[in-house]
């Protein structure tokens, strides 16, 4: 292909956020991932909490965190390399 078909697509810039998630809201969301509505534990709850923590602490999109490979983790340097 010699031309970019997306060049003609116009996107609307999202509004800037005035408020970010509070610590209380984040903890409530994180806690809700571990329990069903009935109060029973969810089998994948701890893994989902770990996933949400990693997204939050690294400020990465969930897709970037899901696509991580062990080759992207440098344990000696204590660095995770994200590929945008």
C-alpha atoms as a PDB file:
ATOM      1  CA  UNK A   1       0.000   0.000   0.000  1.00  0.00           C
ATOM      2  CA  UNK A   2       1.402   3.396  -0.900  1.00  0.00           C
ATOM      3  CA  UNK A   3      -0.869   5.629   1.174  1.00  0.00           C
ATOM      4  CA  UNK A   4      -2.122   5.670   4.741  1.00  0.00           C
ATOM      5  CA  UNK A   5      -5.895   4.939   4.821  1.00  0.00           C
ATOM      6  CA  UNK A   6      -6.165   6.424   8.324  1.00  0.00           C
ATOM      7  CA  UNK A   7      -4.873   9.826   7.260  1.00  0.00           C
ATOM      8  CA  UNK A   8      -8.391  10.961   6.361  1.00  0.00           C
ATOM      9  CA  UNK A   9      -9.852   9.922   9.723  1.00  0.00           C
ATOM     10  CA  UNK A  10     -10.480  12.845  12.061  1.00  0.00           C
ATOM     11  CA  UNK A  11     -10.368  12.187  15.792  1.00  0.00           C
ATOM     12  CA  UNK A  12     -11.766  14.305  18.575  1.00  0.00           C
ATOM     13  CA  UNK A  13      -9.263  15.022  21.328  1.00  0.00           C
ATOM     14  CA  UNK A  14     -10.593  13.817  24.698  1.00  0.00           C
ATOM     15  CA  UNK A  15     -11.264  16.382  27.390  1.00  0.00           C
ATOM     16  CA  UNK A  16      -8.519  16.821  29.957  1.00  0.00           C
ATOM     17  CA  UNK A  17      -9.371  15.321  33.317  1.00  0.00           C
ATOM     18  CA  UNK A  18      -9.791  17.673  36.227  1.00  0.00           C
ATOM     19  CA  UNK A  19     -10.037  14.895  38.831  1.00  0.00           C
ATOM     20  CA  UNK A  20      -8.108  11.665  39.125  1.00  0.00           C
ATOM     21  CA  UNK A  21      -9.186   8.540  40.962  1.00  0.00           C
ATOM     22  CA  UNK A  22      -8.899   8.872  44.729  1.00  0.00           C
ATOM     23  CA  UNK A  23      -7.075   6.330  46.871  1.00  0.00           C
ATOM     24  CA  UNK A  24     -10.390   5.334  48.442  1.00  0.00           C
ATOM     25  CA  UNK A  25     -12.004   4.651  45.070  1.00  0.00           C
ATOM     26  CA  UNK A  26      -8.979   2.683  43.878  1.00  0.00           C
ATOM     27  CA  UNK A  27      -8.998   0.509  46.995  1.00  0.00           C
ATOM     28  CA  UNK A  28     -12.765  -0.064  46.665  1.00  0.00           C
ATOM     29  CA  UNK A  29     -12.365  -1.191  43.042  1.00  0.00           C
ATOM     30  CA  UNK A  30      -9.399  -3.399  43.952  1.00  0.00           C
ATOM     31  CA  UNK A  31     -11.264  -4.993  46.866  1.00  0.00           C
ATOM     32  CA  UNK A  32     -14.348  -5.603  44.698  1.00  0.00           C
ATOM     33  CA  UNK A  33     -12.233  -7.653  42.277  1.00  0.00           C
ATOM     34  CA  UNK A  34     -11.615 -10.246  44.991  1.00  0.00           C
ATOM     35  CA  UNK A  35     -15.257 -10.849  46.010  1.00  0.00           C
ATOM     36  CA  UNK A  36     -18.466 -11.838  44.252  1.00  0.00           C
ATOM     37  CA  UNK A  37     -21.632  -9.846  44.922  1.00  0.00           C
ATOM     38  CA  UNK A  38     -22.607 -12.610  47.367  1.00  0.00           C
ATOM     39  CA  UNK A  39     -19.370 -12.055  49.313  1.00  0.00           C
ATOM     40  CA  UNK A  40     -17.649 -15.267  48.235  1.00  0.00           C
ATOM     41  CA  UNK A  41     -14.020 -15.123  47.146  1.00  0.00           C
ATOM     42  CA  UNK A  42     -13.327 -15.007  43.408  1.00  0.00           C
ATOM     43  CA  UNK A  43     -10.765 -17.609  42.324  1.00  0.00           C
ATOM     44  CA  UNK A  44      -8.880 -15.126  40.145  1.00  0.00           C
ATOM     45  CA  UNK A  45      -9.295 -12.263  42.621  1.00  0.00           C
ATOM     46  CA  UNK A  46      -5.706 -12.039  43.834  1.00  0.00           C
ATOM     47  CA  UNK A  47      -4.341 -12.210  40.276  1.00  0.00           C
ATOM     48  CA  UNK A  48      -6.734  -9.450  39.152  1.00  0.00           C
ATOM     49  CA  UNK A  49      -5.652  -7.308  42.100  1.00  0.00           C
ATOM     50  CA  UNK A  50      -2.023  -7.842  41.105  1.00  0.00           C
ATOM     51  CA  UNK A  51      -2.872  -6.899  37.504  1.00  0.00           C
ATOM     52  CA  UNK A  52      -4.656  -3.694  38.575  1.00  0.00           C
ATOM     53  CA  UNK A  53      -1.778  -2.814  40.920  1.00  0.00           C
ATOM     54  CA  UNK A  54       0.752  -3.260  38.106  1.00  0.00           C
ATOM     55  CA  UNK A  55      -1.288  -1.033  35.767  1.00  0.00           C
ATOM     56  CA  UNK A  56      -1.656   1.614  38.472  1.00  0.00           C
ATOM     57  CA  UNK A  57       1.946   1.592  39.690  1.00  0.00           C
ATOM     58  CA  UNK A  58       3.521   1.584  36.235  1.00  0.00           C
ATOM     59  CA  UNK A  59       0.923   3.975  34.741  1.00  0.00           C
ATOM     60  CA  UNK A  60       0.590   1.612  31.769  1.00  0.00           C
ATOM     61  CA  UNK A  61      -2.490   0.623  29.813  1.00  0.00           C
ATOM     62  CA  UNK A  62      -3.898  -2.800  30.599  1.00  0.00           C
ATOM     63  CA  UNK A  63      -3.084  -3.962  27.058  1.00  0.00           C
ATOM     64  CA  UNK A  64       0.596  -3.120  27.537  1.00  0.00           C
ATOM     65  CA  UNK A  65       0.686  -5.010  30.841  1.00  0.00           C
ATOM     66  CA  UNK A  66      -1.127  -8.037  29.337  1.00  0.00           C
ATOM     67  CA  UNK A  67       1.358  -8.154  26.450  1.00  0.00           C
ATOM     68  CA  UNK A  68       4.412  -8.279  28.723  1.00  0.00           C
ATOM     69  CA  UNK A  69       6.845 -11.141  28.172  1.00  0.00           C
ATOM     70  CA  UNK A  70       9.443 -12.414  30.640  1.00  0.00           C
ATOM     71  CA  UNK A  71      12.078 -11.087  28.213  1.00  0.00           C
ATOM     72  CA  UNK A  72      10.775  -7.569  29.014  1.00  0.00           C
ATOM     73  CA  UNK A  73      11.661  -7.946  32.692  1.00  0.00           C
ATOM     74  CA  UNK A  74      15.258  -7.273  33.750  1.00  0.00           C
ATOM     75  CA  UNK A  75      15.445  -8.598  37.299  1.00  0.00           C
ATOM     76  CA  UNK A  76      19.076  -7.571  37.844  1.00  0.00           C
ATOM     77  CA  UNK A  77      18.404  -3.940  36.896  1.00  0.00           C
ATOM     78  CA  UNK A  78      14.904  -4.081  38.452  1.00  0.00           C
ATOM     79  CA  UNK A  79      13.357  -2.682  35.250  1.00  0.00           C
ATOM     80  CA  UNK A  80      10.303  -3.619  33.203  1.00  0.00           C
ATOM     81  CA  UNK A  81      10.616  -2.608  29.557  1.00  0.00           C
ATOM     82  CA  UNK A  82       7.251  -1.687  28.021  1.00  0.00           C
ATOM     83  CA  UNK A  83       6.917  -1.668  24.246  1.00  0.00           C
ATOM     84  CA  UNK A  84       4.322   0.926  23.166  1.00  0.00           C
END
